[in-house]
PDB file of N, CA and C in Angstrom:
ATOM      1  N   MET A   1      23.799  12.443  15.112  1.00  0.00           N
ATOM      2  CA  MET A   1      24.391  11.435  14.252  1.00  0.00           C
ATOM      3  C   MET A   1      25.822  11.181  14.712  1.00  0.00           C
ATOM      4  N   THR A   2      26.408  10.124  14.175  1.00  0.00           N
ATOM      5  CA  THR A   2      27.757   9.767  14.615  1.00  0.00           C
ATOM      6  C   THR A   2      28.804  10.438  13.743  1.00  0.00           C
ATOM      7  N   ASP A   3      29.988  10.616  14.323  1.00  0.00           N
ATOM      8  CA  ASP A   3      31.099  11.219  13.601  1.00  0.00           C
ATOM      9  C   ASP A   3      32.001  10.174  12.965  1.00  0.00           C
ATOM     10  N   ASP A   4      31.696   8.892  13.142  1.00  0.00           N
ATOM     11  CA  ASP A   4      32.574   7.837  12.647  1.00  0.00           C
ATOM     12  C   ASP A   4      32.182   7.332  11.254  1.00  0.00           C
ATOM     13  N   ILE A   5      31.382   8.083  10.532  1.00  0.00           N
ATOM     14  CA  ILE A   5      30.993   7.697   9.175  1.00  0.00           C
ATOM     15  C   ILE A   5      31.955   8.343   8.196  1.00  0.00           C
ATOM     16  N   ASP A   6      32.565   7.520   7.364  1.00  0.00           N
ATOM     17  CA  ASP A   6      33.481   8.007   6.340  1.00  0.00           C
ATOM     18  C   ASP A   6      32.642   8.449   5.137  1.00  0.00           C
ATOM     19  N   PRO A   7      32.624   9.737   4.814  1.00  0.00           N
ATOM     20  CA  PRO A   7      31.789  10.221   3.702  1.00  0.00           C
ATOM     21  C   PRO A   7      32.089   9.517   2.378  1.00  0.00           C
ATOM     22  N   ALA A   8      33.352   9.207   2.111  1.00  0.00           N
ATOM     23  CA  ALA A   8      33.701   8.536   0.857  1.00  0.00           C
ATOM     24  C   ALA A   8      33.095   7.134   0.807  1.00  0.00           C
ATOM     25  N   GLN A   9      33.157   6.406   1.933  1.00  0.00           N
ATOM     26  CA  GLN A   9      32.559   5.066   1.964  1.00  0.00           C
ATOM     27  C   GLN A   9      31.042   5.146   1.856  1.00  0.00           C
ATOM     28  N   ALA A  10      30.449   6.134   2.515  1.00  0.00           N
ATOM     29  CA  ALA A  10      28.993   6.297   2.441  1.00  0.00           C
ATOM     30  C   ALA A  10      28.574   6.601   1.002  1.00  0.00           C
ATOM     31  N   GLU A  11      29.318   7.476   0.314  1.00  0.00           N
ATOM     32  CA  GLU A  11      28.987   7.804  -1.070  1.00  0.00           C
ATOM     33  C   GLU A  11      29.134   6.571  -1.962  1.00  0.00           C
ATOM     34  N   ARG A  12      30.192   5.809  -1.762  1.00  0.00           N
ATOM     35  CA  ARG A  12      30.399   4.587  -2.556  1.00  0.00           C
ATOM     36  C   ARG A  12      29.235   3.618  -2.343  1.00  0.00           C
ATOM     37  N   LEU A  13      28.847   3.431  -1.084  1.00  0.00           N
ATOM     38  CA  LEU A  13      27.736   2.548  -0.779  1.00  0.00           C
ATOM     39  C   LEU A  13      26.453   3.005  -1.473  1.00  0.00           C
ATOM     40  N   LEU A  14      26.160   4.295  -1.373  1.00  0.00           N
ATOM     41  CA  LEU A  14      24.920   4.821  -1.926  1.00  0.00           C
ATOM     42  C   LEU A  14      24.908   4.856  -3.453  1.00  0.00           C
ATOM     43  N   THR A  15      26.075   4.890  -4.081  1.00  0.00           N
ATOM     44  CA  THR A  15      26.109   4.977  -5.540  1.00  0.00           C
ATOM     45  C   THR A  15      26.398   3.650  -6.231  1.00  0.00           C
ATOM     46  N   THR A  16      26.734   2.618  -5.477  1.00  0.00           N
ATOM     47  CA  THR A  16      27.041   1.336  -6.119  1.00  0.00           C
ATOM     48  C   THR A  16      26.106   0.210  -5.692  1.00  0.00           C
ATOM     49  N   THR A  17      25.310   0.436  -4.674  1.00  0.00           N
ATOM     50  CA  THR A  17      24.451  -0.627  -4.160  1.00  0.00           C
ATOM     51  C   THR A  17      23.053  -0.478  -4.728  1.00  0.00           C
ATOM     52  N   ARG A  18      22.559  -1.528  -5.292  1.00  0.00           N
ATOM     53  CA  ARG A  18      21.179  -1.535  -5.756  1.00  0.00           C
ATOM     54  C   ARG A  18      20.340  -2.159  -4.652  1.00  0.00           C
ATOM     55  N   THR A  19      19.639  -3.167  -4.946  1.00  0.00           N
ATOM     56  CA  THR A  19      18.782  -3.794  -3.946  1.00  0.00           C
ATOM     57  C   THR A  19      19.582  -4.666  -2.988  1.00  0.00           C
ATOM     58  N   VAL A  20      19.176  -4.655  -1.740  1.00  0.00           N
ATOM     59  CA  VAL A  20      19.838  -5.481  -0.736  1.00  0.00           C
ATOM     60  C   VAL A  20      18.818  -6.385  -0.038  1.00  0.00           C
ATOM     61  N   ARG A  21      17.729  -6.670  -0.688  1.00  0.00           N
ATOM     62  CA  ARG A  21      16.645  -7.434  -0.073  1.00  0.00           C
ATOM     63  C   ARG A  21      17.119  -8.741   0.544  1.00  0.00           C
ATOM     64  N   LYS A  22      17.947  -9.458  -0.161  1.00  0.00           N
ATOM     65  CA  LYS A  22      18.366 -10.777   0.319  1.00  0.00           C
ATOM     66  C   LYS A  22      19.436 -10.692   1.405  1.00  0.00           C
ATOM     67  N   ARG A  23      19.979  -9.514   1.626  1.00  0.00           N
ATOM     68  CA  ARG A  23      20.992  -9.361   2.672  1.00  0.00           C
ATOM     69  C   ARG A  23      20.422  -8.804   3.970  1.00  0.00           C
ATOM     70  N   LEU A  24      19.133  -8.529   3.998  1.00  0.00           N
ATOM     71  CA  LEU A  24      18.526  -7.979   5.203  1.00  0.00           C
ATOM     72  C   LEU A  24      18.528  -9.008   6.322  1.00  0.00           C
ATOM     73  N   ASP A  25      18.850  -8.572   7.518  1.00  0.00           N
ATOM     74  CA  ASP A  25      18.786  -9.429   8.699  1.00  0.00           C
ATOM     75  C   ASP A  25      17.415  -9.218   9.335  1.00  0.00           C
ATOM     76  N   LEU A  26      16.480 -10.083   9.015  1.00  0.00           N
ATOM     77  CA  LEU A  26      15.103  -9.928   9.481  1.00  0.00           C
ATOM     78  C   LEU A  26      14.949 -10.204  10.968  1.00  0.00           C
ATOM     79  N   SER A  27      15.983 -10.733  11.594  1.00  0.00           N
ATOM     80  CA  SER A  27      15.901 -11.010  13.024  1.00  0.00           C
ATOM     81  C   SER A  27      16.471  -9.867  13.863  1.00  0.00           C
ATOM     82  N   ARG A  28      17.099  -8.919  13.212  1.00  0.00           N
ATOM     83  CA  ARG A  28      17.736  -7.809  13.935  1.00  0.00           C
ATOM     84  C   ARG A  28      16.712  -6.702  14.185  1.00  0.00           C
ATOM     85  N   LEU A  29      16.545  -6.336  15.440  1.00  0.00           N
ATOM     86  CA  LEU A  29      15.604  -5.280  15.790  1.00  0.00           C
ATOM     87  C   LEU A  29      16.103  -3.936  15.268  1.00  0.00           C
ATOM     88  N   VAL A  30      15.171  -3.076  14.949  1.00  0.00           N
ATOM     89  CA  VAL A  30      15.490  -1.732  14.483  1.00  0.00           C
ATOM     90  C   VAL A  30      14.922  -0.750  15.503  1.00  0.00           C
ATOM     91  N   ASP A  31      15.763   0.140  15.961  1.00  0.00           N
ATOM     92  CA  ASP A  31      15.334   1.152  16.921  1.00  0.00           C
ATOM     93  C   ASP A  31      14.402   2.138  16.219  1.00  0.00           C
ATOM     94  N   PRO A  32      13.138   2.227  16.645  1.00  0.00           N
ATOM     95  CA  PRO A  32      12.205   3.162  16.001  1.00  0.00           C
ATOM     96  C   PRO A  32      12.702   4.606  16.020  1.00  0.00           C
ATOM     97  N   ASN A  33      13.503   4.969  17.014  1.00  0.00           N
ATOM     98  CA  ASN A  33      14.035   6.334  17.065  1.00  0.00           C
ATOM     99  C   ASN A  33      14.972   6.617  15.890  1.00  0.00           C
ATOM    100  N   ILE A  34      15.692   5.599  15.446  1.00  0.00           N
ATOM    101  CA  ILE A  34      16.572   5.768  14.285  1.00  0.00           C
ATOM    102  C   ILE A  34      15.729   5.986  13.037  1.00  0.00           C
ATOM    103  N   VAL A  35      14.637   5.245  12.918  1.00  0.00           N
ATOM    104  CA  VAL A  35      13.741   5.407  11.766  1.00  0.00           C
ATOM    105  C   VAL A  35      13.157   6.825  11.769  1.00  0.00           C
ATOM    106  N   VAL A  36      12.710   7.289  12.928  1.00  0.00           N
ATOM    107  CA  VAL A  36      12.159   8.645  13.030  1.00  0.00           C
ATOM    108  C   VAL A  36      13.209   9.681  12.638  1.00  0.00           C
ATOM    109  N   GLU A  37      14.453   9.480  13.072  1.00  0.00           N
ATOM    110  CA  GLU A  37      15.529  10.414  12.713  1.00  0.00           C
ATOM    111  C   GLU A  37      15.788  10.383  11.209  1.00  0.00           C
ATOM    112  N   CYS A  38      15.781   9.218  10.610  1.00  0.00           N
ATOM    113  CA  CYS A  38      15.970   9.118   9.157  1.00  0.00           C
ATOM    114  C   CYS A  38      14.837   9.836   8.414  1.00  0.00           C
ATOM    115  N   LEU A  39      13.616   9.668   8.884  1.00  0.00           N
ATOM    116  CA  LEU A  39      12.479  10.338   8.241  1.00  0.00           C
ATOM    117  C   LEU A  39      12.557  11.857   8.441  1.00  0.00           C
ATOM    118  N   ARG A  40      13.036  12.288   9.602  1.00  0.00           N
ATOM    119  CA  ARG A  40      13.208  13.717   9.844  1.00  0.00           C
ATOM    120  C   ARG A  40      14.209  14.302   8.848  1.00  0.00           C
ATOM    121  N   ILE A  41      15.307  13.596   8.648  1.00  0.00           N
ATOM    122  CA  ILE A  41      16.329  14.055   7.705  1.00  0.00           C
ATOM    123  C   ILE A  41      15.777  14.022   6.276  1.00  0.00           C
ATOM    124  N   ALA A  42      15.081  12.946   5.929  1.00  0.00           N
ATOM    125  CA  ALA A  42      14.520  12.826   4.580  1.00  0.00           C
ATOM    126  C   ALA A  42      13.513  13.934   4.294  1.00  0.00           C
ATOM    127  N   SER A  43      12.811  14.389   5.311  1.00  0.00           N
ATOM    128  CA  SER A  43      11.798  15.432   5.097  1.00  0.00           C
ATOM    129  C   SER A  43      12.429  16.782   4.752  1.00  0.00           C
ATOM    130  N   GLN A  44      13.745  16.889   4.884  1.00  0.00           N
ATOM    131  CA  GLN A  44      14.430  18.127   4.516  1.00  0.00           C
ATOM    132  C   GLN A  44      14.668  18.228   3.013  1.00  0.00           C
ATOM    133  N   ALA A  45      14.451  17.126   2.303  1.00  0.00           N
ATOM    134  CA  ALA A  45      14.658  17.139   0.852  1.00  0.00           C
ATOM    135  C   ALA A  45      13.644  18.082   0.203  1.00  0.00           C
ATOM    136  N   PRO A  46      14.066  18.782  -0.853  1.00  0.00           N
ATOM    137  CA  PRO A  46      13.140  19.709  -1.504  1.00  0.00           C
ATOM    138  C   PRO A  46      12.012  18.970  -2.215  1.00  0.00           C
ATOM    139  N   THR A  47      10.850  19.596  -2.224  1.00  0.00           N
ATOM    140  CA  THR A  47       9.705  19.082  -2.975  1.00  0.00           C
ATOM    141  C   THR A  47       9.119  20.241  -3.770  1.00  0.00           C
ATOM    142  N   GLY A  48       8.305  19.924  -4.762  1.00  0.00           N
ATOM    143  CA  GLY A  48       7.671  20.963  -5.564  1.00  0.00           C
ATOM    144  C   GLY A  48       6.895  21.937  -4.682  1.00  0.00           C
ATOM    145  N   GLY A  49       7.227  23.201  -4.758  1.00  0.00           N
ATOM    146  CA  GLY A  49       6.552  24.209  -3.949  1.00  0.00           C
ATOM    147  C   GLY A  49       6.880  24.102  -2.467  1.00  0.00           C
ATOM    148  N   ASN A  50       7.834  23.221  -2.127  1.00  0.00           N
ATOM    149  CA  ASN A  50       8.217  22.978  -0.738  1.00  0.00           C
ATOM    150  C   ASN A  50       6.995  22.647   0.120  1.00  0.00           C
ATOM    151  N   LEU A  51       6.093  21.841  -0.439  1.00  0.00           N
ATOM    152  CA  LEU A  51       4.840  21.523   0.246  1.00  0.00           C
ATOM    153  C   LEU A  51       4.955  20.384   1.242  1.00  0.00           C
ATOM    154  N   GLN A  52       5.954  19.523   1.080  1.00  0.00           N
ATOM    155  CA  GLN A  52       6.156  18.396   2.007  1.00  0.00           C
ATOM    156  C   GLN A  52       4.848  17.642   2.252  1.00  0.00           C
ATOM    157  N   ARG A  53       4.257  17.104   1.201  1.00  0.00           N
ATOM    158  CA  ARG A  53       2.953  16.448   1.299  1.00  0.00           C
ATOM    159  C   ARG A  53       3.045  14.956   1.627  1.00  0.00           C
ATOM    160  N   THR A  54       4.226  14.468   1.956  1.00  0.00           N
ATOM    161  CA  THR A  54       4.398  13.058   2.295  1.00  0.00           C
ATOM    162  C   THR A  54       4.287  12.878   3.800  1.00  0.00           C
ATOM    163  N   ARG A  55       3.590  11.839   4.190  1.00  0.00           N
ATOM    164  CA  ARG A  55       3.516  11.433   5.596  1.00  0.00           C
ATOM    165  C   ARG A  55       3.927   9.972   5.638  1.00  0.00           C
ATOM    166  N   TRP A  56       4.292   9.497   6.802  1.00  0.00           N
ATOM    167  CA  TRP A  56       4.824   8.148   6.941  1.00  0.00           C
ATOM    168  C   TRP A  56       4.038   7.371   7.979  1.00  0.00           C
ATOM    169  N   VAL A  57       3.773   6.119   7.682  1.00  0.00           N
ATOM    170  CA  VAL A  57       3.190   5.196   8.654  1.00  0.00           C
ATOM    171  C   VAL A  57       4.291   4.206   9.002  1.00  0.00           C
ATOM    172  N   VAL A  58       4.638   4.128  10.281  1.00  0.00           N
ATOM    173  CA  VAL A  58       5.680   3.220  10.757  1.00  0.00           C
ATOM    174  C   VAL A  58       4.982   2.096  11.515  1.00  0.00           C
ATOM    175  N   VAL A  59       5.149   0.871  11.018  1.00  0.00           N
ATOM    176  CA  VAL A  59       4.438  -0.285  11.571  1.00  0.00           C
ATOM    177  C   VAL A  59       5.439  -1.198  12.276  1.00  0.00           C
ATOM    178  N   THR A  60       5.192  -1.436  13.566  1.00  0.00           N
ATOM    179  CA  THR A  60       6.048  -2.337  14.344  1.00  0.00           C
ATOM    180  C   THR A  60       5.273  -3.521  14.900  1.00  0.00           C
ATOM    181  N   ASP A  61       3.950  -3.454  14.922  1.00  0.00           N
ATOM    182  CA  ASP A  61       3.123  -4.529  15.464  1.00  0.00           C
ATOM    183  C   ASP A  61       3.264  -5.781  14.590  1.00  0.00           C
ATOM    184  N   PRO A  62       3.659  -6.919  15.164  1.00  0.00           N
ATOM    185  CA  PRO A  62       3.890  -8.141  14.369  1.00  0.00           C
ATOM    186  C   PRO A  62       2.666  -8.596  13.565  1.00  0.00           C
ATOM    187  N   ASP A  63       1.482  -8.523  14.147  1.00  0.00           N
ATOM    188  CA  ASP A  63       0.286  -8.958  13.416  1.00  0.00           C
ATOM    189  C   ASP A  63      -0.017  -8.043  12.234  1.00  0.00           C
ATOM    190  N   LYS A  64       0.153  -6.752  12.425  1.00  0.00           N
ATOM    191  CA  LYS A  64      -0.097  -5.798  11.335  1.00  0.00           C
ATOM    192  C   LYS A  64       0.945  -5.943  10.237  1.00  0.00           C
ATOM    193  N   LYS A  65       2.205  -6.161  10.637  1.00  0.00           N
ATOM    194  CA  LYS A  65       3.256  -6.381   9.633  1.00  0.00           C
ATOM    195  C   LYS A  65       2.962  -7.644   8.823  1.00  0.00           C
ATOM    196  N   ALA A  66       2.546  -8.702   9.496  1.00  0.00           N
ATOM    197  CA  ALA A  66       2.221  -9.957   8.803  1.00  0.00           C
ATOM    198  C   ALA A  66       1.063  -9.751   7.839  1.00  0.00           C
ATOM    199  N   ALA A  67       0.039  -9.016   8.279  1.00  0.00           N
ATOM    200  CA  ALA A  67      -1.116  -8.764   7.413  1.00  0.00           C
ATOM    201  C   ALA A  67      -0.715  -7.920   6.203  1.00  0.00           C
ATOM    202  N   LEU A  68       0.108  -6.898   6.415  1.00  0.00           N
ATOM    203  CA  LEU A  68       0.581  -6.080   5.294  1.00  0.00           C
ATOM    204  C   LEU A  68       1.459  -6.893   4.349  1.00  0.00           C
ATOM    205  N   GLY A  69       2.298  -7.762   4.913  1.00  0.00           N
ATOM    206  CA  GLY A  69       3.121  -8.636   4.082  1.00  0.00           C
ATOM    207  C   GLY A  69       2.274  -9.551   3.220  1.00  0.00           C
ATOM    208  N   ASP A  70       1.201 -10.071   3.795  1.00  0.00           N
ATOM    209  CA  ASP A  70       0.292 -10.939   3.036  1.00  0.00           C
ATOM    210  C   ASP A  70      -0.391 -10.156   1.915  1.00  0.00           C
ATOM    211  N   LEU A  71      -0.849  -8.946   2.213  1.00  0.00           N
ATOM    212  CA  LEU A  71      -1.464  -8.101   1.169  1.00  0.00           C
ATOM    213  C   LEU A  71      -0.478  -7.824   0.041  1.00  0.00           C
ATOM    214  N   TYR A  72       0.753  -7.509   0.409  1.00  0.00           N
ATOM    215  CA  TYR A  72       1.774  -7.216  -0.595  1.00  0.00           C
ATOM    216  C   TYR A  72       2.038  -8.447  -1.464  1.00  0.00           C
ATOM    217  N   ARG A  73       2.195  -9.608  -0.821  1.00  0.00           N
ATOM    218  CA  ARG A  73       2.457 -10.840  -1.572  1.00  0.00           C
ATOM    219  C   ARG A  73       1.315 -11.132  -2.542  1.00  0.00           C
ATOM    220  N   ARG A  74       0.071 -11.004  -2.062  1.00  0.00           N
ATOM    221  CA  ARG A  74      -1.074 -11.272  -2.934  1.00  0.00           C
ATOM    222  C   ARG A  74      -1.167 -10.263  -4.072  1.00  0.00           C
ATOM    223  N   ALA A  75      -0.766  -9.015  -3.812  1.00  0.00           N
ATOM    224  CA  ALA A  75      -0.765  -8.007  -4.875  1.00  0.00           C
ATOM    225  C   ALA A  75       0.327  -8.287  -5.899  1.00  0.00           C
ATOM    226  N   MET A  76       1.441  -8.847  -5.450  1.00  0.00           N
ATOM    227  CA  MET A  76       2.559  -9.121  -6.353  1.00  0.00           C
ATOM    228  C   MET A  76       2.402 -10.425  -7.131  1.00  0.00           C
ATOM    229  N   ASP A  77       1.597 -11.350  -6.641  1.00  0.00           N
ATOM    230  CA  ASP A  77       1.425 -12.643  -7.322  1.00  0.00           C
ATOM    231  C   ASP A  77       1.048 -12.487  -8.798  1.00  0.00           C
ATOM    232  N   PRO A  78       0.063 -11.643  -9.158  1.00  0.00           N
ATOM    233  CA  PRO A  78      -0.260 -11.490 -10.587  1.00  0.00           C
ATOM    234  C   PRO A  78       0.910 -10.918 -11.392  1.00  0.00           C
ATOM    235  N   TYR A  79       1.636  -9.969 -10.804  1.00  0.00           N
ATOM    236  CA  TYR A  79       2.808  -9.400 -11.478  1.00  0.00           C
ATOM    237  C   TYR A  79       3.839 -10.486 -11.739  1.00  0.00           C
ATOM    238  N   HIS A  80       4.116 -11.293 -10.720  1.00  0.00           N
ATOM    239  CA  HIS A  80       5.101 -12.360 -10.888  1.00  0.00           C
ATOM    240  C   HIS A  80       4.644 -13.363 -11.946  1.00  0.00           C
ATOM    241  N   SER A  81       3.357 -13.666 -11.980  1.00  0.00           N
ATOM    242  CA  SER A  81       2.840 -14.596 -12.998  1.00  0.00           C
ATOM    243  C   SER A  81       3.049 -14.042 -14.403  1.00  0.00           C
ATOM    244  N   ILE A  82       2.771 -12.768 -14.586  1.00  0.00           N
ATOM    245  CA  ILE A  82       2.962 -12.143 -15.898  1.00  0.00           C
ATOM    246  C   ILE A  82       4.441 -12.117 -16.264  1.00  0.00           C
ATOM    247  N   MET A  83       5.268 -11.717 -15.312  1.00  0.00           N
ATOM    248  CA  MET A  83       6.696 -11.607 -15.589  1.00  0.00           C
ATOM    249  C   MET A  83       7.327 -12.973 -15.858  1.00  0.00           C
ATOM    250  N   ASP A  84       6.784 -14.027 -15.258  1.00  0.00           N
ATOM    251  CA  ASP A  84       7.303 -15.372 -15.517  1.00  0.00           C
ATOM    252  C   ASP A  84       7.216 -15.724 -17.000  1.00  0.00           C
ATOM    253  N   THR A  85       6.220 -15.190 -17.700  1.00  0.00           N
ATOM    254  CA  THR A  85       6.084 -15.480 -19.134  1.00  0.00           C
ATOM    255  C   THR A  85       7.011 -14.608 -19.980  1.00  0.00           C
ATOM    256  N   LEU A  86       7.514 -13.507 -19.393  1.00  0.00           N
ATOM    257  CA  LEU A  86       8.343 -12.570 -20.155  1.00  0.00           C
ATOM    258  C   LEU A  86       9.833 -12.673 -19.869  1.00  0.00           C
ATOM    259  N   VAL A  87      10.177 -13.125 -18.681  1.00  0.00           N
ATOM    260  CA  VAL A  87      11.580 -13.166 -18.260  1.00  0.00           C
ATOM    261  C   VAL A  87      12.037 -14.614 -18.185  1.00  0.00           C
ATOM    262  N   GLU A  88      13.123 -14.904 -18.878  1.00  0.00           N
ATOM    263  CA  GLU A  88      13.675 -16.253 -18.800  1.00  0.00           C
ATOM    264  C   GLU A  88      14.258 -16.484 -17.418  1.00  0.00           C
ATOM    265  N   ARG A  89      14.128 -17.708 -16.921  1.00  0.00           N
ATOM    266  CA  ARG A  89      14.611 -18.044 -15.567  1.00  0.00           C
ATOM    267  C   ARG A  89      16.099 -17.773 -15.390  1.00  0.00           C
ATOM    268  N   THR A  90      16.861 -17.823 -16.464  1.00  0.00           N
ATOM    269  CA  THR A  90      18.302 -17.577 -16.355  1.00  0.00           C
ATOM    270  C   THR A  90      18.726 -16.336 -17.132  1.00  0.00           C
ATOM    271  N   GLY A  91      17.760 -15.566 -17.617  1.00  0.00           N
ATOM    272  CA  GLY A  91      18.069 -14.377 -18.404  1.00  0.00           C
ATOM    273  C   GLY A  91      18.448 -13.187 -17.548  1.00  0.00           C
ATOM    274  N   PRO A  92      18.655 -12.035 -18.199  1.00  0.00           N
ATOM    275  CA  PRO A  92      19.111 -10.838 -17.510  1.00  0.00           C
ATOM    276  C   PRO A  92      18.166 -10.358 -16.394  1.00  0.00           C
ATOM    277  N   GLY A  93      16.889 -10.561 -16.540  1.00  0.00           N
ATOM    278  CA  GLY A  93      15.943 -10.107 -15.523  1.00  0.00           C
ATOM    279  C   GLY A  93      15.656 -11.129 -14.439  1.00  0.00           C
ATOM    280  N   SER A  94      16.295 -12.285 -14.514  1.00  0.00           N
ATOM    281  CA  SER A  94      15.972 -13.362 -13.569  1.00  0.00           C
ATOM    282  C   SER A  94      16.350 -13.009 -12.129  1.00  0.00           C
ATOM    283  N   LYS A  95      17.466 -12.320 -11.946  1.00  0.00           N
ATOM    284  CA  LYS A  95      17.870 -11.943 -10.584  1.00  0.00           C
ATOM    285  C   LYS A  95      16.900 -10.929  -9.988  1.00  0.00           C
ATOM    286  N   ILE A  96      16.433 -10.019 -10.814  1.00  0.00           N
ATOM    287  CA  ILE A  96      15.463  -9.025 -10.343  1.00  0.00           C
ATOM    288  C   ILE A  96      14.171  -9.718  -9.922  1.00  0.00           C
ATOM    289  N   MET A  97      13.720 -10.660 -10.729  1.00  0.00           N
ATOM    290  CA  MET A  97      12.477 -11.372 -10.402  1.00  0.00           C
ATOM    291  C   MET A  97      12.650 -12.233  -9.158  1.00  0.00           C
ATOM    292  N   GLU A  98      13.785 -12.865  -9.020  1.00  0.00           N
ATOM    293  CA  GLU A  98      14.057 -13.683  -7.837  1.00  0.00           C
ATOM    294  C   GLU A  98      14.039 -12.805  -6.580  1.00  0.00           C
ATOM    295  N   SER A  99      14.642 -11.630  -6.674  1.00  0.00           N
ATOM    296  CA  SER A  99      14.665 -10.703  -5.554  1.00  0.00           C
ATOM    297  C   SER A  99      13.267 -10.178  -5.239  1.00  0.00           C
ATOM    298  N   SER A 100      12.489  -9.914  -6.272  1.00  0.00           N
ATOM    299  CA  SER A 100      11.122  -9.433  -6.086  1.00  0.00           C
ATOM    300  C   SER A 100      10.256 -10.489  -5.398  1.00  0.00           C
ATOM    301  N   ARG A 101      10.409 -11.722  -5.817  1.00  0.00           N
ATOM    302  CA  ARG A 101       9.662 -12.822  -5.169  1.00  0.00           C
ATOM    303  C   ARG A 101      10.075 -12.967  -3.699  1.00  0.00           C
ATOM    304  N   TYR A 102      11.360 -12.848  -3.445  1.00  0.00           N
ATOM    305  CA  TYR A 102      11.866 -12.954  -2.081  1.00  0.00           C
ATOM    306  C   TYR A 102      11.239 -11.869  -1.202  1.00  0.00           C
ATOM    307  N   LEU A 103      11.235 -10.635  -1.682  1.00  0.00           N
ATOM    308  CA  LEU A 103      10.640  -9.546  -0.912  1.00  0.00           C
ATOM    309  C   LEU A 103       9.171  -9.829  -0.619  1.00  0.00           C
ATOM    310  N   ALA A 104       8.445 -10.316  -1.607  1.00  0.00           N
ATOM    311  CA  ALA A 104       7.024 -10.623  -1.398  1.00  0.00           C
ATOM    312  C   ALA A 104       6.834 -11.687  -0.326  1.00  0.00           C
ATOM    313  N   GLU A 105       7.756 -12.614  -0.236  1.00  0.00           N
ATOM    314  CA  GLU A 105       7.643 -13.686   0.754  1.00  0.00           C
ATOM    315  C   GLU A 105       8.025 -13.251   2.169  1.00  0.00           C
ATOM    316  N   VAL A 106       8.957 -12.314   2.301  1.00  0.00           N
ATOM    317  CA  VAL A 106       9.476 -11.988   3.639  1.00  0.00           C
ATOM    318  C   VAL A 106       9.036 -10.636   4.186  1.00  0.00           C
ATOM    319  N   MET A 107       8.377  -9.826   3.400  1.00  0.00           N
ATOM    320  CA  MET A 107       8.060  -8.470   3.843  1.00  0.00           C
ATOM    321  C   MET A 107       7.380  -8.431   5.210  1.00  0.00           C
ATOM    322  N   GLY A 108       6.454  -9.319   5.454  1.00  0.00           N
ATOM    323  CA  GLY A 108       5.727  -9.324   6.716  1.00  0.00           C
ATOM    324  C   GLY A 108       6.571  -9.678   7.920  1.00  0.00           C
ATOM    325  N   ARG A 109       7.805 -10.133   7.690  1.00  0.00           N
ATOM    326  CA  ARG A 109       8.708 -10.471   8.798  1.00  0.00           C
ATOM    327  C   ARG A 109       9.755  -9.392   9.072  1.00  0.00           C
ATOM    328  N   ALA A 110       9.706  -8.299   8.314  1.00  0.00           N
ATOM    329  CA  ALA A 110      10.665  -7.215   8.525  1.00  0.00           C
ATOM    330  C   ALA A 110      10.474  -6.627   9.920  1.00  0.00           C
ATOM    331  N   PRO A 111      11.558  -6.182  10.555  1.00  0.00           N
ATOM    332  CA  PRO A 111      11.447  -5.624  11.909  1.00  0.00           C
ATOM    333  C   PRO A 111      10.521  -4.403  11.974  1.00  0.00           C
ATOM    334  N   ILE A 112      10.563  -3.569  10.939  1.00  0.00           N
ATOM    335  CA  ILE A 112       9.726  -2.372  10.856  1.00  0.00           C
ATOM    336  C   ILE A 112       9.346  -2.172   9.397  1.00  0.00           C
ATOM    337  N   LEU A 113       8.111  -1.770   9.168  1.00  0.00           N
ATOM    338  CA  LEU A 113       7.685  -1.362   7.834  1.00  0.00           C
ATOM    339  C   LEU A 113       7.462   0.150   7.862  1.00  0.00           C
ATOM    340  N   VAL A 114       8.012   0.850   6.899  1.00  0.00           N
ATOM    341  CA  VAL A 114       7.824   2.288   6.771  1.00  0.00           C
ATOM    342  C   VAL A 114       7.086   2.516   5.459  1.00  0.00           C
ATOM    343  N   ILE A 115       5.885   3.052   5.564  1.00  0.00           N
ATOM    344  CA  ILE A 115       5.011   3.196   4.403  1.00  0.00           C
ATOM    345  C   ILE A 115       4.818   4.678   4.086  1.00  0.00           C
ATOM    346  N   PRO A 116       5.244   5.112   2.893  1.00  0.00           N
ATOM    347  CA  PRO A 116       5.030   6.511   2.521  1.00  0.00           C
ATOM    348  C   PRO A 116       3.576   6.731   2.085  1.00  0.00           C
ATOM    349  N   CYS A 117       3.022   7.849   2.464  1.00  0.00           N
ATOM    350  CA  CYS A 117       1.657   8.200   2.102  1.00  0.00           C
ATOM    351  C   CYS A 117       1.661   9.629   1.554  1.00  0.00           C
ATOM    352  N   GLN A 118       0.932   9.842   0.493  1.00  0.00           N
ATOM    353  CA  GLN A 118       0.848  11.164  -0.129  1.00  0.00           C
ATOM    354  C   GLN A 118      -0.459  11.817   0.295  1.00  0.00           C
ATOM    355  N   LEU A 119      -0.403  13.039   0.782  1.00  0.00           N
ATOM    356  CA  LEU A 119      -1.622  13.748   1.168  1.00  0.00           C
ATOM    357  C   LEU A 119      -2.432  14.094  -0.072  1.00  0.00           C
ATOM    358  N   GLY A 120      -3.747  14.082   0.062  1.00  0.00           N
ATOM    359  CA  GLY A 120      -4.632  14.438  -1.021  1.00  0.00           C
ATOM    360  C   GLY A 120      -5.111  13.233  -1.786  1.00  0.00           C
ATOM    361  N   ALA A 121      -6.082  13.442  -2.626  1.00  0.00           N
ATOM    362  CA  ALA A 121      -6.659  12.374  -3.436  1.00  0.00           C
ATOM    363  C   ALA A 121      -5.841  12.210  -4.712  1.00  0.00           C
ATOM    364  N   PRO A 122      -5.845  10.994  -5.301  1.00  0.00           N
ATOM    365  CA  PRO A 122      -5.122  10.810  -6.571  1.00  0.00           C
ATOM    366  C   PRO A 122      -5.609  11.807  -7.631  1.00  0.00           C
ATOM    367  N   GLY A 123      -4.675  12.422  -8.308  1.00  0.00           N
ATOM    368  CA  GLY A 123      -5.001  13.377  -9.348  1.00  0.00           C
ATOM    369  C   GLY A 123      -5.299  14.774  -8.824  1.00  0.00           C
ATOM    370  N   GLU A 124      -5.365  14.928  -7.506  1.00  0.00           N
ATOM    371  CA  GLU A 124      -5.624  16.235  -6.922  1.00  0.00           C
ATOM    372  C   GLU A 124      -4.403  17.120  -7.098  1.00  0.00           C
ATOM    373  N   ALA A 125      -4.632  18.384  -7.428  1.00  0.00           N
ATOM    374  CA  ALA A 125      -3.519  19.318  -7.578  1.00  0.00           C
ATOM    375  C   ALA A 125      -2.819  19.511  -6.242  1.00  0.00           C
ATOM    376  N   SER A 126      -1.506  19.615  -6.302  1.00  0.00           N
ATOM    377  CA  SER A 126      -0.726  19.780  -5.065  1.00  0.00           C
ATOM    378  C   SER A 126      -0.994  21.092  -4.435  1.00  0.00           C
TER     379      SER A 126
END
C-alpha cells in the first residue's frame, strides 16, 4: 500500500460519505490487482467463529457485466415501482430513489463488478 494516505482524511471520507453512485467514473479502468488486494484486506475482518465463509466473484468481461446489469435492473424495477407510490418525488427519500434508479441503469457499465457470495445453502448453520 502507499504511504501517502493521510489517516485523518481517510477516516473523514469513510465516516462522512454515503453513496457515491453518481460520482463514479464508469470510463476509468480499475486494476484487478487493486481489487484483489482490497478483498485480501477485507478478508482479515473478523467473522462469527472466524469461518470466513464469504467468497468473491470478480467480473471484468463486458458481456457478462452487461448481462448482470440487466438482471439487476429488471430485479429492481418492481422495487422502484412500489417505492414510487410511497416516496414523493421531492420528499426526503427522493434522492435515495433517484440514486437507486441510476445504479440500476448503469451497473452493467461499471469497469468491474465484485459480487459477494456466501458459502452454504440459505438457512444452513455456519
